[in-house]
Amino acid sequence: MARAQHQLKPDEDASQNALQGIADSFIEWPRAPTLRYPDACGLEFEHIWFPSEDGLPLQGWFIPASGTRKIIIANHPRWLDRADLPPHLIPLFGSRTAKGPESDFIADYKILTDAGYNILAYDLRNFGPVGAVNGSVFSGGRHESRDVIGALRYVRSHHDLRHMSIGLFSRCVGANATLFAMTRRPDVFVDVRFMVCAQPFFVEAVLNRAFERLGIPHCCLDDLDNRVFLNTGFKIAQFSPIPWAKSVAIPTLLYQATRDCSRNPDDIHTAYDAIPCPQKKLVRIDGKNGSSDGYAYFQRQPNEILSWCEEHMT
């Protein structure tokens, strides 16, 4: 992040506090409790536990689809969990909670199971009820990539699942984690049939929008970069999923809301262009509710994504 250096004056307490608050959000945040379960949509499910690549115990659900040998592994965005979070029920999350209509990932699982896919949905480290690890650092997908690999290992080692064809449904930081896992361990993905990559998380664009909202000069990004580095050991540029997209070797559908104010509209195109696999597709979603429109898209218009899944699963 090569930018002009800028030192805030001692009397700019509000800006100093805002910068430190943003930096601290990479190491501490409120957990999203699991408030809803698949049986709310009439789905049978099983609570499961399995180790991440580094041994961290992860929690999730297995949701069966009768008479099929296909499975989709699903993860979730930042702040949320495998079920998502209903914003109007959790006032303590305040401004950190996504605004607009609530999303409902369980409704996604219902659509997928009705279409003949078993589901493994799991919580990433430091989200939901999973224990704190890595100093509770949010790494933009780097540490979280170990959880993606753990989920794949669980499916391949489970007596009833190991012969199933695998697809991925990765959202936001879960998408970043999957992309970084592909960069570190391409061998783990050799027999994965496809990925649906929903709204990858572009951290620098999010921070630029936060500066605009808080009235902090953009020349202070270097200051923030140093604070984030001291908290996490990573520079902000190291969280970008764009370089990781170069490692995608499986058919991939990316989608993103056009009015998601937390993202640079060019970033998703840059990530898409970086994917070398010729079997790829980019879907831009119009709407007025930003990321909420993106996460609700599959429920509103499932056929496009279901067709993609079926084309590449068989």
Protein backbone atom coordinates (compact mmCIF):
# COMPACT_ATOMS: atom_id res chain seq x y z
CA MET A 1 0.00 0.00 0.00
CA ALA A 2 2.28 2.73 -1.28
CA ARG A 3 0.67 5.97 -0.14
CA ALA A 4 1.86 9.27 1.24
CA GLN A 5 2.57 9.08 4.95
CA HIS A 6 0.27 11.06 7.18
CA GLN A 7 0.44 11.57 10.93
CA LEU A 8 -2.72 12.57 12.72
CA LYS A 9 -2.41 15.51 15.10
CA PRO A 10 -2.65 14.67 18.80
CA ASP A 11 -5.96 16.51 19.10
CA GLU A 12 -7.62 14.34 16.43
CA ASP A 13 -8.85 11.89 19.05
CA ALA A 14 -11.91 10.81 17.10
CA SER A 15 -9.86 9.80 14.07
CA GLN A 16 -7.26 8.09 16.25
CA ASN A 17 -9.95 6.10 18.03
CA ALA A 18 -11.65 5.21 14.74
CA LEU A 19 -8.39 3.95 13.22
CA GLN A 20 -7.62 1.84 16.26
CA GLY A 21 -11.19 0.55 16.37
CA ILE A 22 -10.94 -0.61 12.76
CA ALA A 23 -7.58 -2.25 13.43
CA ASP A 24 -8.96 -3.97 16.53
CA SER A 25 -11.89 -5.36 14.52
CA PHE A 26 -9.33 -7.75 13.00
CA ILE A 27 -8.76 -9.37 16.40
CA GLU A 28 -12.06 -8.97 18.27
CA TRP A 29 -15.71 -8.96 17.23
CA PRO A 30 -19.05 -10.20 18.56
CA ARG A 31 -19.82 -13.84 17.81
CA ALA A 32 -22.93 -14.71 15.83
CA PRO A 33 -24.92 -17.24 17.88
CA THR A 34 -26.62 -20.06 16.01
CA LEU A 35 -30.30 -19.14 16.34
CA ARG A 36 -31.84 -21.24 13.58
CA TYR A 37 -31.52 -24.83 12.51
CA PRO A 38 -32.38 -26.74 9.33
CA ASP A 39 -35.53 -28.24 10.83
CA ALA A 40 -37.03 -24.73 10.61
CA CYS A 41 -37.34 -25.51 6.87
CA GLY A 42 -38.43 -29.09 7.45
CA LEU A 43 -34.96 -30.49 6.84
CA GLU A 44 -33.50 -33.45 8.66
CA PHE A 45 -29.98 -32.77 9.86
CA GLU A 46 -27.17 -34.11 11.99
CA HIS A 47 -24.78 -32.12 14.19
CA ILE A 48 -21.22 -32.93 13.17
CA TRP A 49 -17.73 -32.15 14.44
CA PHE A 50 -14.48 -32.56 12.55
CA PRO A 51 -10.90 -31.25 12.71
CA SER A 52 -9.54 -28.45 10.60
CA GLU A 53 -6.27 -28.99 8.76
CA ASP A 54 -4.42 -27.78 11.87
CA GLY A 55 -6.53 -29.81 14.30
CA LEU A 56 -9.00 -27.14 15.46
CA PRO A 57 -12.40 -28.73 16.18
CA LEU A 58 -15.02 -27.35 13.79
CA GLN A 59 -18.80 -27.64 14.06
CA GLY A 60 -21.40 -27.98 11.37
CA TRP A 61 -24.46 -29.75 10.03
CA PHE A 62 -24.88 -32.63 7.65
CA ILE A 63 -28.19 -32.31 5.79
CA PRO A 64 -29.03 -35.44 3.79
CA ALA A 65 -30.73 -35.66 0.42
CA SER A 66 -32.31 -39.03 -0.21
CA GLY A 67 -30.98 -41.29 -2.94
CA THR A 68 -28.12 -39.13 -4.23
CA ARG A 69 -24.33 -39.32 -4.29
CA LYS A 70 -23.70 -35.60 -4.61
CA ILE A 71 -22.62 -33.26 -1.82
CA ILE A 72 -22.06 -29.51 -1.56
CA ILE A 73 -19.78 -28.10 1.15
CA ALA A 74 -20.96 -24.63 2.22
CA ASN A 75 -19.36 -21.97 4.40
CA HIS A 76 -20.32 -18.42 5.33
CA PRO A 77 -19.50 -14.68 5.28
CA ARG A 78 -17.66 -12.69 7.92
CA TRP A 79 -19.62 -11.80 11.10
CA LEU A 80 -22.12 -14.58 10.43
CA ASP A 81 -22.37 -18.35 10.82
CA ARG A 82 -23.62 -21.35 8.83
CA ALA A 83 -27.25 -20.27 9.38
CA ASP A 84 -26.65 -16.51 8.96
CA LEU A 85 -27.72 -13.88 11.45
CA PRO A 86 -31.14 -12.16 11.64
CA PRO A 87 -30.07 -8.51 12.24
CA HIS A 88 -33.31 -7.41 13.89
CA LEU A 89 -32.89 -10.05 16.62
CA ILE A 90 -29.37 -9.09 17.67
CA PRO A 91 -29.26 -5.38 18.58
CA LEU A 92 -25.92 -5.82 20.35
CA PHE A 93 -24.26 -6.17 16.96
CA GLY A 94 -25.28 -2.60 16.13
CA SER A 95 -23.52 -1.09 13.14
CA ARG A 96 -21.34 -4.15 12.68
CA THR A 97 -24.32 -6.16 11.50
CA ALA A 98 -25.19 -6.10 7.82
CA LYS A 99 -28.17 -3.83 7.17
CA GLY A 100 -31.15 -4.52 4.97
CA PRO A 101 -33.28 -7.65 4.72
CA GLU A 102 -31.94 -10.62 6.63
CA SER A 103 -30.39 -13.46 4.71
CA ASP A 104 -31.21 -17.08 5.36
CA PHE A 105 -28.67 -19.68 4.37
CA ILE A 106 -30.95 -22.49 5.60
CA ALA A 107 -33.32 -21.57 2.77
CA ASP A 108 -30.36 -22.09 0.41
CA TYR A 109 -29.81 -25.56 1.84
CA LYS A 110 -33.48 -26.38 1.32
CA ILE A 111 -33.22 -25.48 -2.37
CA LEU A 112 -30.06 -27.53 -2.76
CA THR A 113 -31.38 -30.63 -0.99
CA ASP A 114 -34.59 -30.48 -3.02
CA ALA A 115 -32.35 -30.46 -6.10
CA GLY A 116 -30.62 -33.64 -4.94
CA TYR A 117 -27.56 -32.39 -3.07
CA ASN A 118 -26.45 -33.49 0.36
CA ILE A 119 -25.10 -30.53 2.35
CA LEU A 120 -22.21 -30.11 4.74
CA ALA A 121 -22.42 -26.61 6.26
CA TYR A 122 -19.80 -25.54 8.80
CA ASP A 123 -18.59 -22.55 10.82
CA LEU A 124 -15.20 -21.04 10.11
CA ARG A 125 -12.74 -20.56 12.97
CA ASN A 126 -13.46 -17.69 15.37
CA PHE A 127 -17.09 -17.49 14.17
CA GLY A 128 -20.22 -19.10 15.57
CA PRO A 129 -19.52 -21.43 18.51
CA VAL A 130 -16.06 -22.49 17.29
CA GLY A 131 -13.28 -21.81 19.80
CA ALA A 132 -10.86 -18.90 19.51
CA VAL A 133 -7.59 -19.73 17.77
CA ASN A 134 -4.66 -17.92 16.09
CA GLY A 135 -5.01 -15.16 18.69
CA SER A 136 -8.58 -14.64 17.40
CA VAL A 137 -7.03 -13.00 14.33
CA PHE A 138 -9.20 -12.47 11.26
CA SER A 139 -6.84 -13.16 8.37
CA GLY A 140 -9.07 -12.53 5.37
CA GLY A 141 -9.08 -16.22 4.43
CA ARG A 142 -5.48 -17.22 5.20
CA HIS A 143 -5.91 -19.08 8.51
CA GLU A 144 -9.50 -19.85 7.55
CA SER A 145 -8.25 -21.83 4.53
CA ARG A 146 -7.34 -24.62 6.94
CA ASP A 147 -11.04 -25.07 7.70
CA VAL A 148 -11.87 -25.51 4.00
CA ILE A 149 -9.30 -28.29 3.79
CA GLY A 150 -10.62 -29.86 7.00
CA ALA A 151 -14.16 -30.00 5.57
CA LEU A 152 -12.93 -31.69 2.38
CA ARG A 153 -10.94 -34.21 4.41
CA TYR A 154 -14.01 -34.99 6.52
CA VAL A 155 -16.12 -35.79 3.47
CA ARG A 156 -13.41 -37.93 1.90
CA SER A 157 -12.78 -39.91 5.08
CA HIS A 158 -16.40 -40.46 6.14
CA HIS A 159 -17.69 -43.95 5.39
CA ASP A 160 -21.02 -42.73 3.99
CA LEU A 161 -19.70 -39.66 2.14
CA ARG A 162 -16.32 -40.53 0.68
CA HIS A 163 -17.69 -41.78 -2.63
CA MET A 164 -19.81 -38.69 -3.28
CA SER A 165 -19.08 -36.09 -5.96
CA ILE A 166 -18.14 -32.79 -4.30
CA GLY A 167 -19.09 -29.19 -5.09
CA LEU A 168 -18.32 -26.03 -3.10
CA PHE A 169 -20.59 -23.10 -2.15
CA SER A 170 -18.23 -20.54 -0.63
CA ARG A 171 -19.38 -17.10 0.53
CA CYS A 172 -17.49 -13.85 1.31
CA VAL A 173 -14.55 -14.66 3.61
CA GLY A 174 -15.43 -18.32 3.08
CA ALA A 175 -14.79 -17.70 -0.63
CA ASN A 176 -11.44 -16.07 0.22
CA ALA A 177 -10.55 -19.03 2.42
CA THR A 178 -11.34 -21.44 -0.42
CA LEU A 179 -9.25 -19.43 -2.89
CA PHE A 180 -6.27 -19.34 -0.52
CA ALA A 181 -6.64 -23.06 0.18
CA MET A 182 -6.44 -23.64 -3.57
CA THR A 183 -3.25 -21.56 -3.64
CA ARG A 184 -1.61 -23.47 -0.78
CA ARG A 185 -2.88 -26.96 -1.49
CA PRO A 186 -4.06 -27.39 -5.09
CA ASP A 187 -3.80 -31.17 -4.65
CA VAL A 188 -6.76 -31.09 -2.24
CA PHE A 189 -9.11 -29.88 -5.01
CA VAL A 190 -8.23 -32.23 -7.85
CA ASP A 191 -11.54 -34.10 -7.75
CA VAL A 192 -13.81 -31.20 -6.70
CA ARG A 193 -16.32 -30.69 -9.50
CA PHE A 194 -17.10 -26.96 -9.18
CA MET A 195 -17.21 -23.90 -6.95
CA VAL A 196 -19.93 -21.30 -6.51
CA CYS A 197 -18.04 -18.27 -5.21
CA ALA A 198 -20.42 -15.71 -3.68
CA GLN A 199 -19.24 -12.16 -3.07
CA PRO A 200 -15.52 -12.57 -2.28
CA PHE A 201 -14.30 -10.26 0.49
CA PHE A 202 -12.09 -7.42 -0.78
CA VAL A 203 -10.74 -5.98 2.48
CA GLU A 204 -9.10 -2.87 1.06
CA ALA A 205 -12.33 -1.80 -0.65
CA VAL A 206 -14.23 -2.33 2.62
CA LEU A 207 -11.73 -0.12 4.45
CA ASN A 208 -11.92 2.60 1.82
CA ARG A 209 -15.69 2.71 2.26
CA ALA A 210 -15.29 2.82 6.03
CA PHE A 211 -12.95 5.81 5.73
CA GLU A 212 -15.51 7.63 3.60
CA ARG A 213 -18.28 6.87 6.07
CA LEU A 214 -16.22 7.99 9.08
CA GLY A 215 -14.66 11.03 7.42
CA ILE A 216 -11.08 9.78 7.82
CA PRO A 217 -8.62 11.01 5.16
CA HIS A 218 -7.59 8.27 2.76
CA CYS A 219 -3.96 9.22 3.30
CA CYS A 220 -4.35 7.59 6.73
CA LEU A 221 -4.56 4.12 5.15
CA ASP A 222 -0.84 3.62 5.71
CA ASP A 223 -1.36 4.39 9.40
CA LEU A 224 -4.16 1.82 9.52
CA ASP A 225 -2.03 -0.66 7.60
CA ASN A 226 0.62 -0.46 10.32
CA ARG A 227 -1.97 -0.88 13.08
CA VAL A 228 -3.48 -3.93 11.37
CA PHE A 229 0.01 -5.38 10.92
CA LEU A 230 0.78 -4.95 14.62
CA ASN A 231 -2.47 -6.72 15.52
CA THR A 232 -2.38 -9.54 12.99
CA GLY A 233 1.09 -9.89 11.50
CA PHE A 234 -0.36 -9.23 8.03
CA LYS A 235 -0.45 -6.19 5.81
CA ILE A 236 -3.85 -5.32 4.36
CA ALA A 237 -2.71 -6.14 0.82
CA GLN A 238 -2.03 -9.71 1.98
CA PHE A 239 -5.78 -10.23 2.48
CA SER A 240 -6.66 -9.64 -1.17
CA PRO A 241 -8.18 -12.71 -2.89
CA ILE A 242 -7.24 -11.45 -6.36
CA PRO A 243 -3.77 -13.09 -6.47
CA TRP A 244 -5.29 -16.33 -5.14
CA ALA A 245 -7.80 -16.45 -8.00
CA LYS A 246 -4.89 -17.39 -10.26
CA SER A 247 -4.85 -20.82 -8.58
CA VAL A 248 -8.45 -21.76 -9.43
CA ALA A 249 -8.40 -24.89 -11.56
CA ILE A 250 -12.03 -26.02 -11.25
CA PRO A 251 -15.18 -24.64 -12.92
CA THR A 252 -16.20 -21.54 -10.97
CA LEU A 253 -19.24 -19.28 -10.93
CA LEU A 254 -18.70 -15.92 -9.20
CA TYR A 255 -21.56 -13.64 -8.26
CA GLN A 256 -21.80 -10.26 -6.56
CA ALA A 257 -24.33 -7.49 -5.95
CA THR A 258 -23.66 -4.43 -8.09
CA ARG A 259 -24.63 -2.02 -5.30
CA ASP A 260 -22.65 -3.60 -2.53
CA CYS A 261 -21.15 -0.40 -1.11
CA SER A 262 -18.45 -2.33 0.75
CA ARG A 263 -16.76 -3.41 -2.47
CA ASN A 264 -15.00 -1.82 -5.43
CA PRO A 265 -17.07 -2.80 -8.50
CA ASP A 266 -13.87 -3.47 -10.44
CA ASP A 267 -12.49 -5.99 -7.95
CA ILE A 268 -14.83 -8.83 -8.88
CA HIS A 269 -13.98 -8.38 -12.57
CA THR A 270 -10.26 -8.41 -11.76
CA ALA A 271 -10.66 -11.60 -9.73
CA TYR A 272 -12.75 -13.19 -12.50
CA ASP A 273 -10.20 -12.30 -15.17
CA ALA A 274 -7.42 -13.81 -13.02
CA ILE A 275 -9.06 -17.26 -12.95
CA PRO A 276 -7.23 -19.38 -15.54
CA CYS A 277 -9.87 -22.13 -15.74
CA PRO A 278 -11.85 -21.57 -18.96
CA GLN A 279 -15.04 -22.93 -17.37
CA LYS A 280 -16.05 -19.84 -15.45
CA LYS A 281 -18.98 -17.45 -15.23
CA LEU A 282 -19.58 -14.04 -13.62
CA VAL A 283 -23.05 -12.91 -12.50
CA ARG A 284 -23.70 -9.31 -11.42
CA ILE A 285 -26.85 -8.81 -9.34
CA ASP A 286 -28.91 -5.62 -9.46
CA GLY A 287 -30.77 -4.41 -6.40
CA LYS A 288 -30.95 -1.66 -3.81
CA ASN A 289 -29.86 -3.57 -0.68
CA GLY A 290 -26.21 -4.24 -1.45
CA SER A 291 -24.78 -7.46 -0.07
CA SER A 292 -28.21 -8.56 1.16
CA ASP A 293 -29.36 -8.74 -2.47
CA GLY A 294 -26.31 -10.83 -3.24
CA TYR A 295 -26.95 -13.35 -0.49
CA ALA A 296 -30.67 -13.55 -1.32
CA TYR A 297 -30.05 -14.02 -5.04
CA PHE A 298 -29.88 -17.81 -4.96
CA GLN A 299 -33.28 -18.01 -3.26
CA ARG A 300 -34.87 -15.53 -5.67
CA GLN A 301 -33.42 -16.99 -8.86
CA PRO A 302 -32.02 -20.44 -8.09
CA ASN A 303 -32.21 -21.91 -11.58
CA GLU A 304 -29.11 -20.22 -12.97
CA ILE A 305 -26.87 -21.51 -10.19
CA LEU A 306 -28.57 -24.91 -10.02
CA SER A 307 -28.02 -25.33 -13.75
CA TRP A 308 -24.34 -24.50 -13.28
CA CYS A 309 -24.03 -27.01 -10.45
CA GLU A 310 -25.73 -29.77 -12.42
CA GLU A 311 -23.70 -29.11 -15.55
CA HIS A 312 -20.42 -29.49 -13.72
CA MET A 313 -21.37 -32.12 -11.13
CA THR A 314 -22.17 -34.76 -13.74
